[in-house]
Each structure stands twice: as structure tokens, then as C-alpha cells.
Amino acid sequence: MTQPYVDRTRRLQDRLASHDADGVVLTASPNLFYCTGFWETQMERHLLGFVAESGDPVLVAPSIYSGQLAEETWITDVRTYGDEDDPTSEIRDVAADLGLTDGHLLLDPTMWARFTHDLRSTLPDATFGLAEDAFASLRITKDATELDAIRRASTIADGVIEDLRRMGESILGTTESELATTIETMLSEGGGTEPAFDIIVGAGPNGASPHHHHSDRVIQPGDPVVLDFGTRVDHYPSDQTRTLMFGGTPPDGFDDAFEAVREAQEAAIRAIQPGITAGDVDDVARSIIEEHGYGDRFIHRTGHGVGLDVHEQPYIVGGNDLILEKGMVFSVEPGVYLDGEYGIRIEDLVAVTGTGSERLNTTDRGYRTTTQS
């Protein structure tokens, strides 16, 4: 499994010249995982990866990670230090060994200020920029390993939606927060490692807020419930949304608004193929919702890229002239939101193929559950 990480690092090195850079400095982040296979979040200790234009990366890490790094990453040059040591001396030595002491270095855009400060102080002759564009151009298309993980995470989320449909009217009387907890348990039991983001359960008027999370509101008959959640597999997330009704009669006008959203999503996904722009997909979805008279109720972009970060490029938004390419993965999630009444959103993840697209979520997109006629 080391080869994908090696290949990604080599592609990063190939891009450095076009960014007028001599090297990249990574911190504990998705970008470090992308290149090395080692996953960790930032902490008070210095954990930095140095990538020069050629050769293998070098890691500077606390000695407590020695065993873990040996098992989880392909990097063999790991310079460790103890809690009693000054890590900046290791940073200085690595920069000298890699010829980066006075180079132009691109820093991981998520790096904490304390670490950027130490790099600037330790390497006063170097200049610094951000590695954001370099990584965005790499991570925007997914390799086979990444696609497999996202597919598996999507399958787990689909299974939870199917279970919720079968639960039907038994969910009535449950609070949004209780249902969110149930969903989290289901995702874990299905094989997910953790929720991909804070689970959204928006019942009735709460669904009209696109990023409402969950509250103590009781789910009642006649409530449309926006359910937006995902899980992670091998650090890659899924992200899907269904709007369900667990009992009762839909609000006035709900069926028409729901059909507008469903039609918009279907048309947008049919339009996806290599060579069109991200903005084109947004235009297709938005034009259909406008035709139904809900244009001013569609208040967010049509979608966003999904990878190691739940929100990353490409962004499916009007005016984005980015050309879609094979391997890009993003959500398609039009919505209609009526303040004080309800919200509707339907979301699937889509991977661009050589001739069109592959839908990674496959469950029914209607709002009725098993116990409804």
C-alpha cells in the first residue's frame, strides 16, 4: 500500500518548479497523510515533513511516534527528538541536508502559527508561501485507492438510510439529537470509523437552515426531516442527504418543491462529463429550480469536492470555469428552503468517469418511508 503515497509525493515534487518553490513543509494534516500514509492531528509538539524537489521526504517528529511512523509510513529518514530537546535544531539540520536553508518553501496551509513562526526564525534566509494551490491540483482528482475508500464509506451511509426508512413511524416522538446519536451508532456498526462531520437532523422548520445540526426538537407527524451525514473509511468520507417523512401528511406545496429538487439533482448528474465546467453543473440544477419558482429558495452552491476534507475542490458553483476531469469526486445537492416551514435537500456523491459520471450513493431519493403508503 506504500506505492500510492510514493506516487503522490513524486507528483508533488514535479509541480514545485511551476510554483517557483524549492520545497514543501508539511504539518500533521490531511496533506501529510496524502504523501506519507501517516495520519495525525496537530498538537503542541513539532511534527513536520520536508519535501524537496528530488529525493525522499524527511520527517521531524517527537520520539514518542518512532514506532508508529515505522509501521505506518514509507518514509525512512525520520529525525526524532525528545521532550527535553529543542526541535528547531533538527529543523535546521534537515533544511541544510536538503538544500532548503535559503530556498523558497511552501507551507501546509493548515499549519499552526506557532510552527510557521519557528520555521521563519530557524530559517531566516528562506522565503515562504502556501502549498494550497500545489495540493489542490493534486488532490482534486482521486486515484483508485481513494475512490475505493469513498465508495465503501458511501455504501455504509446508504445502508443507514435504508435502515431509517424501515424504522418509519417508530422514529416519530424522537428528538433530532436522539436520532443523530442513533445514526452515529448505525454508521459505526456498519463499519465506519467516525462521522465525517457533525450529523444534521433538521425536522420541520429546522430543515430550512441548511447547516442546522440537531436539537431537542421532537420529530412530529407531518415533519419533513433533512438527514445529512457520512462516515469515514481509511480517512476518506462519505456525504449524502435524504429528506424523509416518517409519518403524517406533507405540508402544503411540499410535493411540488420536492419534485423540483429531485428533478434538478437528476438533471445535474446527467449533465456531468469530462470537459464541462463546474459552473455548468450548477447552472443546470439552478435553472430547473428557478423554472419551478423556487430560485430564491436555493441559497447555496450545488456541490463541493469530497476527499480527505469533506469540503475541498472542485466547488460546484455558478461562475466556476474549472473543467471537470476524470477522477474528480463531488456532491450534487440542490435544495429548497422555506423559512419557518421546512427544507428539502437531496445529495449524492458523484465521481467523474471517462465518459460521464458514477453515482456513489444508490438509495431511493423519495421522501416516503416503508410504513407510508
Protein backbone atom coordinates (compact mmCIF):
# COMPACT_ATOMS: atom_id res chain seq x y z
CA MET A 1 0.00 0.00 0.00
CA THR A 2 3.00 2.33 0.02
CA GLN A 3 3.03 2.94 -3.73
CA PRO A 4 0.11 5.43 -3.87
CA TYR A 5 1.86 7.64 -1.31
CA VAL A 6 5.15 7.48 -3.18
CA ASP A 7 3.42 8.35 -6.45
CA ARG A 8 1.64 11.33 -4.87
CA THR A 9 4.90 12.64 -3.43
CA ARG A 10 6.62 12.39 -6.81
CA ARG A 11 3.79 14.28 -8.46
CA LEU A 12 4.07 16.98 -5.81
CA GLN A 13 7.80 17.24 -6.49
CA ASP A 14 7.14 17.55 -10.21
CA ARG A 15 4.90 20.57 -9.53
CA LEU A 16 7.35 22.51 -7.38
CA ALA A 17 9.12 24.22 -10.28
CA SER A 18 5.84 25.57 -11.64
CA HIS A 19 5.23 27.16 -8.24
CA ASP A 20 8.78 28.62 -8.09
CA ALA A 21 9.37 26.54 -4.99
CA ASP A 22 12.34 24.55 -3.74
CA GLY A 23 10.40 22.51 -1.26
CA VAL A 24 7.29 21.96 0.85
CA VAL A 25 6.97 21.77 4.63
CA LEU A 26 4.00 19.76 5.88
CA THR A 27 2.45 19.56 9.31
CA ALA A 28 0.26 16.86 10.84
CA SER A 29 -2.65 17.19 8.43
CA PRO A 30 -4.50 15.50 5.57
CA ASN A 31 -1.72 16.69 3.25
CA LEU A 32 0.89 14.82 5.29
CA PHE A 33 -1.27 11.70 5.16
CA TYR A 34 -1.73 12.17 1.41
CA CYS A 35 2.03 11.94 0.84
CA THR A 36 3.20 9.65 3.62
CA GLY A 37 0.32 7.47 4.82
CA PHE A 38 0.70 8.78 8.39
CA TRP A 39 -2.41 10.29 9.99
CA GLU A 40 -2.23 12.61 12.97
CA THR A 41 -3.72 15.92 14.04
CA GLN A 42 -1.66 18.90 15.10
CA MET A 43 -0.54 19.16 18.70
CA GLU A 44 1.91 21.24 20.70
CA ARG A 45 4.90 19.16 19.55
CA HIS A 46 6.59 19.77 16.19
CA LEU A 47 5.73 17.09 13.62
CA LEU A 48 6.90 18.31 10.23
CA GLY A 49 7.53 16.74 6.83
CA PHE A 50 10.07 18.22 4.42
CA VAL A 51 9.75 17.52 0.69
CA ALA A 52 12.48 18.83 -1.62
CA GLU A 53 12.43 18.81 -5.43
CA SER A 54 14.04 15.37 -5.53
CA GLY A 55 14.77 12.52 -3.19
CA ASP A 56 12.61 11.15 -0.40
CA PRO A 57 10.89 13.28 2.23
CA VAL A 58 12.31 13.71 5.71
CA LEU A 59 10.21 13.77 8.85
CA VAL A 60 10.94 15.64 12.07
CA ALA A 61 8.86 14.06 14.82
CA PRO A 62 8.62 13.53 18.57
CA SER A 63 10.36 10.32 19.62
CA ILE A 64 7.05 9.00 21.01
CA TYR A 65 5.98 8.43 17.38
CA SER A 66 9.04 6.38 16.35
CA GLY A 67 7.29 3.01 16.34
CA GLN A 68 4.11 4.30 14.77
CA LEU A 69 5.96 6.06 11.96
CA ALA A 70 8.00 2.95 11.21
CA GLU A 71 4.79 0.94 10.80
CA GLU A 72 2.54 3.45 9.02
CA THR A 73 4.70 5.40 6.58
CA TRP A 74 7.14 4.67 3.78
CA ILE A 75 9.48 7.45 4.91
CA THR A 76 12.75 6.03 6.22
CA ASP A 77 14.55 9.26 7.18
CA VAL A 78 12.83 10.22 10.42
CA ARG A 79 14.65 12.64 12.74
CA THR A 80 13.23 12.29 16.24
CA TYR A 81 13.66 14.40 19.35
CA GLY A 82 12.71 14.03 22.99
CA ASP A 83 10.66 16.33 25.15
CA GLU A 84 13.85 17.70 26.64
CA ASP A 85 15.25 18.60 23.19
CA ASP A 86 14.85 21.69 21.01
CA PRO A 87 13.20 20.53 17.74
CA THR A 88 14.43 23.60 15.85
CA SER A 89 17.94 22.11 15.76
CA GLU A 90 16.53 19.13 13.84
CA ILE A 91 14.66 21.52 11.54
CA ARG A 92 17.87 23.41 10.84
CA ASP A 93 19.79 20.20 10.07
CA VAL A 94 17.11 18.82 7.75
CA ALA A 95 16.90 22.08 5.81
CA ALA A 96 20.68 22.07 5.39
CA ASP A 97 20.74 18.43 4.27
CA LEU A 98 18.03 19.06 1.68
CA GLY A 99 19.48 22.35 0.44
CA LEU A 100 16.47 24.33 1.66
CA THR A 101 18.16 26.72 4.07
CA ASP A 102 17.80 29.68 1.72
CA GLY A 103 15.13 28.26 -0.57
CA HIS A 104 11.52 29.22 -1.25
CA LEU A 105 9.36 26.91 0.86
CA LEU A 106 5.64 26.28 0.53
CA LEU A 107 3.97 25.68 3.88
CA ASP A 108 0.99 23.47 4.58
CA PRO A 109 -1.94 25.94 4.63
CA THR A 110 -3.29 24.35 7.82
CA MET A 111 -0.05 24.79 9.74
CA TRP A 112 -0.44 26.47 13.13
CA ALA A 113 1.10 29.90 13.54
CA ARG A 114 3.50 28.66 16.24
CA PHE A 115 5.15 26.29 13.75
CA THR A 116 5.33 28.83 10.92
CA HIS A 117 6.92 31.26 13.39
CA ASP A 118 9.55 28.68 14.37
CA LEU A 119 10.34 27.91 10.72
CA ARG A 120 10.81 31.59 9.91
CA SER A 121 13.00 32.09 12.97
CA THR A 122 15.07 28.96 12.35
CA LEU A 123 15.49 29.56 8.60
CA PRO A 124 15.91 33.38 8.31
CA ASP A 125 17.33 33.19 4.79
CA ALA A 126 14.40 31.19 3.39
CA THR A 127 11.24 32.67 1.89
CA PHE A 128 7.79 31.24 2.41
CA GLY A 129 4.49 30.80 0.61
CA LEU A 130 1.49 28.48 0.85
CA ALA A 131 1.22 24.98 -0.61
CA GLU A 132 -2.54 25.27 -1.04
CA ASP A 133 -2.59 25.51 -4.85
CA ALA A 134 0.01 22.78 -5.27
CA PHE A 135 -2.03 20.33 -3.20
CA ALA A 136 -5.38 21.37 -4.60
CA SER A 137 -4.23 20.49 -8.11
CA LEU A 138 -3.08 17.08 -6.85
CA ARG A 139 -5.94 16.14 -4.57
CA ILE A 140 -8.71 17.32 -6.89
CA THR A 141 -8.57 14.01 -8.80
CA LYS A 142 -8.73 10.76 -6.87
CA ASP A 143 -6.67 7.65 -7.52
CA ALA A 144 -8.06 4.11 -7.30
CA THR A 145 -7.23 3.77 -3.60
CA GLU A 146 -9.08 6.96 -2.74
CA LEU A 147 -12.12 6.12 -4.87
CA ASP A 148 -12.40 2.70 -3.25
CA ALA A 149 -12.44 4.22 0.25
CA ILE A 150 -15.07 6.83 -0.68
CA ARG A 151 -17.23 4.14 -2.32
CA ARG A 152 -17.10 1.99 0.82
CA ALA A 153 -17.92 4.95 3.05
CA SER A 154 -20.86 5.82 0.77
CA THR A 155 -22.17 2.26 0.91
CA ILE A 156 -22.18 2.41 4.72
CA ALA A 157 -24.15 5.67 4.70
CA ASP A 158 -26.61 4.21 2.18
CA GLY A 159 -27.21 1.27 4.49
CA VAL A 160 -28.12 3.61 7.34
CA ILE A 161 -30.64 5.47 5.17
CA GLU A 162 -32.27 2.16 4.23
CA ASP A 163 -32.49 1.21 7.91
CA LEU A 164 -34.08 4.57 8.76
CA ARG A 165 -36.70 4.06 6.06
CA ARG A 166 -37.57 0.68 7.55
CA MET A 167 -37.90 2.25 11.01
CA GLY A 168 -40.57 4.56 9.59
CA GLU A 169 -43.17 5.81 12.08
CA SER A 170 -41.23 4.42 15.06
CA ILE A 171 -38.99 7.49 14.74
CA LEU A 172 -41.87 9.84 15.50
CA GLY A 173 -41.52 11.22 19.02
CA THR A 174 -37.73 11.01 18.85
CA THR A 175 -35.72 14.21 19.21
CA GLU A 176 -33.35 15.36 16.48
CA SER A 177 -30.40 14.80 18.83
CA GLU A 178 -31.55 11.30 19.75
CA LEU A 179 -31.86 10.40 16.07
CA ALA A 180 -28.39 11.86 15.38
CA THR A 181 -26.97 9.61 18.10
CA THR A 182 -28.78 6.61 16.58
CA ILE A 183 -27.33 7.44 13.15
CA GLU A 184 -23.82 7.70 14.59
CA THR A 185 -24.20 4.26 16.17
CA MET A 186 -25.51 2.80 12.91
CA LEU A 187 -22.58 4.23 10.95
CA SER A 188 -20.13 2.68 13.40
CA GLU A 189 -21.89 -0.69 13.34
CA GLY A 190 -21.81 -0.56 9.54
CA GLY A 191 -18.02 -0.32 9.53
CA GLY A 192 -17.35 3.43 9.57
CA THR A 193 -14.58 4.72 11.81
CA GLU A 194 -16.21 8.03 12.79
CA PRO A 195 -18.82 10.51 11.49
CA ALA A 196 -17.43 12.51 8.59
CA PHE A 197 -18.89 15.69 10.11
CA ASP A 198 -21.45 16.78 12.68
CA ILE A 199 -24.62 14.92 11.73
CA ILE A 200 -27.52 17.07 10.51
CA VAL A 201 -31.07 16.19 11.53
CA GLY A 202 -33.39 19.08 10.70
CA ALA A 203 -37.08 18.43 11.34
CA GLY A 204 -39.84 20.72 10.13
CA PRO A 205 -38.78 24.39 10.26
CA ASN A 206 -35.27 23.43 11.41
CA GLY A 207 -34.69 21.87 8.00
CA ALA A 208 -34.95 25.34 6.45
CA SER A 209 -31.49 26.12 7.86
CA PRO A 210 -29.02 24.26 5.60
CA HIS A 211 -26.40 23.85 8.35
CA HIS A 212 -28.69 23.25 11.30
CA HIS A 213 -27.15 20.31 13.16
CA HIS A 214 -29.61 18.82 15.67
CA SER A 215 -31.57 19.94 18.69
CA ASP A 216 -34.11 18.75 21.26
CA ARG A 217 -37.00 19.34 18.87
CA VAL A 218 -39.27 16.29 18.73
CA ILE A 219 -39.90 14.83 15.26
CA GLN A 220 -43.64 15.05 14.67
CA PRO A 221 -46.10 13.71 12.08
CA GLY A 222 -46.02 15.92 9.01
CA ASP A 223 -42.37 16.97 9.55
CA PRO A 224 -40.07 16.72 6.55
CA VAL A 225 -36.71 15.74 8.07
CA VAL A 226 -33.43 16.66 6.39
CA LEU A 227 -30.84 13.96 7.15
CA ASP A 228 -27.28 14.82 6.11
CA PHE A 229 -24.46 12.57 7.32
CA GLY A 230 -21.48 10.47 6.34
CA THR A 231 -18.75 8.33 7.79
CA ARG A 232 -15.06 7.73 7.17
CA VAL A 233 -13.26 4.68 5.79
CA ASP A 234 -9.45 4.80 5.70
CA HIS A 235 -9.80 8.53 6.49
CA TYR A 236 -11.97 9.25 3.43
CA PRO A 237 -15.54 10.47 3.98
CA SER A 238 -18.95 9.94 2.53
CA ASP A 239 -21.57 12.69 2.41
CA GLN A 240 -25.20 12.19 1.43
CA THR A 241 -28.54 13.77 2.24
CA ARG A 242 -32.09 12.49 2.11
CA THR A 243 -35.24 14.35 3.12
CA LEU A 244 -37.69 11.88 4.67
CA MET A 245 -41.13 11.97 6.25
CA PHE A 246 -41.72 9.38 8.94
CA GLY A 247 -45.48 9.89 9.15
CA GLY A 248 -48.30 12.35 8.68
CA THR A 249 -49.38 14.48 5.76
CA PRO A 250 -46.84 16.60 3.82
CA PRO A 251 -47.16 20.39 4.23
CA ASP A 252 -48.97 22.36 1.53
CA GLY A 253 -46.79 22.74 -1.54
CA PHE A 254 -44.23 20.21 -0.32
CA ASP A 255 -44.69 17.73 -3.15
CA ASP A 256 -44.08 20.39 -5.82
CA ALA A 257 -40.97 21.72 -4.06
CA PHE A 258 -39.66 18.20 -3.51
CA GLU A 259 -40.10 17.33 -7.17
CA ALA A 260 -38.24 20.49 -8.16
CA VAL A 261 -35.24 19.43 -6.06
CA ARG A 262 -35.30 15.84 -7.27
CA GLU A 263 -35.59 16.88 -10.91
CA ALA A 264 -32.77 19.40 -10.52
CA GLN A 265 -30.45 16.82 -9.00
CA GLU A 266 -31.19 14.23 -11.66
CA ALA A 267 -30.60 16.71 -14.49
CA ALA A 268 -27.36 17.99 -12.98
CA ILE A 269 -25.96 14.47 -12.58
CA ARG A 270 -26.94 13.54 -16.13
CA ALA A 271 -25.05 16.61 -17.36
CA ILE A 272 -21.76 15.64 -15.71
CA GLN A 273 -18.98 14.57 -18.05
CA PRO A 274 -15.35 15.44 -18.64
CA GLY A 275 -14.92 18.77 -20.41
CA ILE A 276 -17.83 20.74 -18.96
CA THR A 277 -17.24 23.23 -16.19
CA ALA A 278 -18.19 23.04 -12.53
CA GLY A 279 -20.31 26.13 -13.12
CA ASP A 280 -22.21 24.35 -15.90
CA VAL A 281 -23.45 21.73 -13.42
CA ASP A 282 -24.62 24.42 -11.02
CA ASP A 283 -26.40 26.19 -13.87
CA VAL A 284 -28.34 23.05 -14.81
CA ALA A 285 -29.58 22.43 -11.27
CA ARG A 286 -30.36 26.09 -10.59
CA SER A 287 -32.27 26.65 -13.83
CA ILE A 288 -34.71 23.82 -13.06
CA ILE A 289 -35.40 25.04 -9.55
CA GLU A 290 -35.94 28.53 -10.96
CA GLU A 291 -38.41 27.12 -13.50
CA HIS A 292 -40.43 25.71 -10.60
CA GLY A 293 -40.49 29.13 -8.95
CA TYR A 294 -38.10 28.39 -6.09
CA GLY A 295 -34.98 30.14 -7.39
CA ASP A 296 -34.71 32.46 -4.40
CA ARG A 297 -35.06 29.46 -2.07
CA PHE A 298 -31.98 27.67 -3.42
CA ILE A 299 -29.48 29.53 -1.26
CA HIS A 300 -26.21 27.61 -1.59
CA ARG A 301 -23.93 26.14 -4.25
CA THR A 302 -24.90 22.88 -5.92
CA GLY A 303 -21.96 20.93 -4.54
CA HIS A 304 -18.42 20.63 -3.27
CA GLY A 305 -15.48 18.32 -3.75
CA VAL A 306 -15.00 15.47 -1.28
CA GLY A 307 -11.70 13.86 -0.37
CA LEU A 308 -9.59 13.83 2.77
CA ASP A 309 -11.50 17.01 3.59
CA VAL A 310 -15.29 16.88 3.40
CA HIS A 311 -15.25 20.25 1.62
CA GLU A 312 -12.49 20.72 -0.97
CA GLN A 313 -12.15 21.46 -4.67
CA PRO A 314 -13.91 21.32 -7.06
CA TYR A 315 -16.69 23.63 -5.89
CA ILE A 316 -19.85 23.24 -7.98
CA VAL A 317 -20.91 26.85 -8.02
CA GLY A 318 -22.06 29.33 -10.65
CA GLY A 319 -19.22 31.06 -12.48
CA ASN A 320 -16.61 28.40 -11.68
CA ASP A 321 -14.93 27.73 -15.03
CA LEU A 322 -12.88 24.79 -13.75
CA ILE A 323 -13.03 21.98 -16.31
CA LEU A 324 -14.25 18.67 -14.89
CA GLU A 325 -11.85 15.74 -15.29
CA LYS A 326 -11.96 12.00 -14.77
CA GLY A 327 -11.38 11.15 -11.10
CA MET A 328 -12.95 14.25 -9.59
CA VAL A 329 -15.44 13.47 -6.81
CA PHE A 330 -18.03 15.93 -5.57
CA SER A 331 -21.52 16.25 -4.16
CA VAL A 332 -24.60 17.24 -6.10
CA GLU A 333 -27.06 18.61 -3.55
CA PRO A 334 -29.63 21.16 -4.69
CA GLY A 335 -32.10 22.32 -2.07
CA VAL A 336 -35.15 24.45 -1.38
CA TYR A 337 -35.57 26.17 1.99
CA LEU A 338 -38.77 27.84 3.20
CA ASP A 339 -38.12 29.80 6.39
CA GLY A 340 -40.36 28.76 9.27
CA GLU A 341 -41.76 25.80 7.33
CA TYR A 342 -39.35 23.14 6.08
CA GLY A 343 -36.28 22.41 3.99
CA ILE A 344 -35.58 19.91 1.24
CA ARG A 345 -32.16 18.68 0.12
CA ILE A 346 -31.14 15.59 -1.85
CA GLU A 347 -27.42 14.83 -2.05
CA ASP A 348 -25.33 12.14 -3.69
CA LEU A 349 -21.60 11.89 -4.28
CA VAL A 350 -20.57 11.60 -7.91
CA ALA A 351 -17.26 10.57 -9.49
CA VAL A 352 -16.43 11.85 -12.97
CA THR A 353 -15.59 8.97 -15.33
CA GLY A 354 -14.08 8.93 -18.79
CA THR A 355 -17.48 9.36 -20.44
CA GLY A 356 -19.86 10.65 -17.78
CA SER A 357 -20.24 10.02 -14.07
CA GLU A 358 -20.64 7.31 -11.45
CA ARG A 359 -23.16 7.91 -8.69
CA LEU A 360 -21.66 6.68 -5.43
CA ASN A 361 -24.96 6.73 -3.48
CA THR A 362 -27.66 4.43 -4.76
CA THR A 363 -30.59 4.53 -2.33
CA ASP A 364 -34.09 5.75 -3.13
CA ARG A 365 -34.39 9.53 -3.20
CA GLY A 366 -38.09 9.82 -2.44
CA TYR A 367 -39.36 11.08 0.89
CA ARG A 368 -41.69 8.22 1.87
CA THR A 369 -40.62 5.53 4.35
CA THR A 370 -41.58 1.87 4.47
CA THR A 371 -44.56 2.40 6.77
CA GLN A 372 -46.14 5.01 4.48
CA SER A 373 -48.46 4.25 1.60
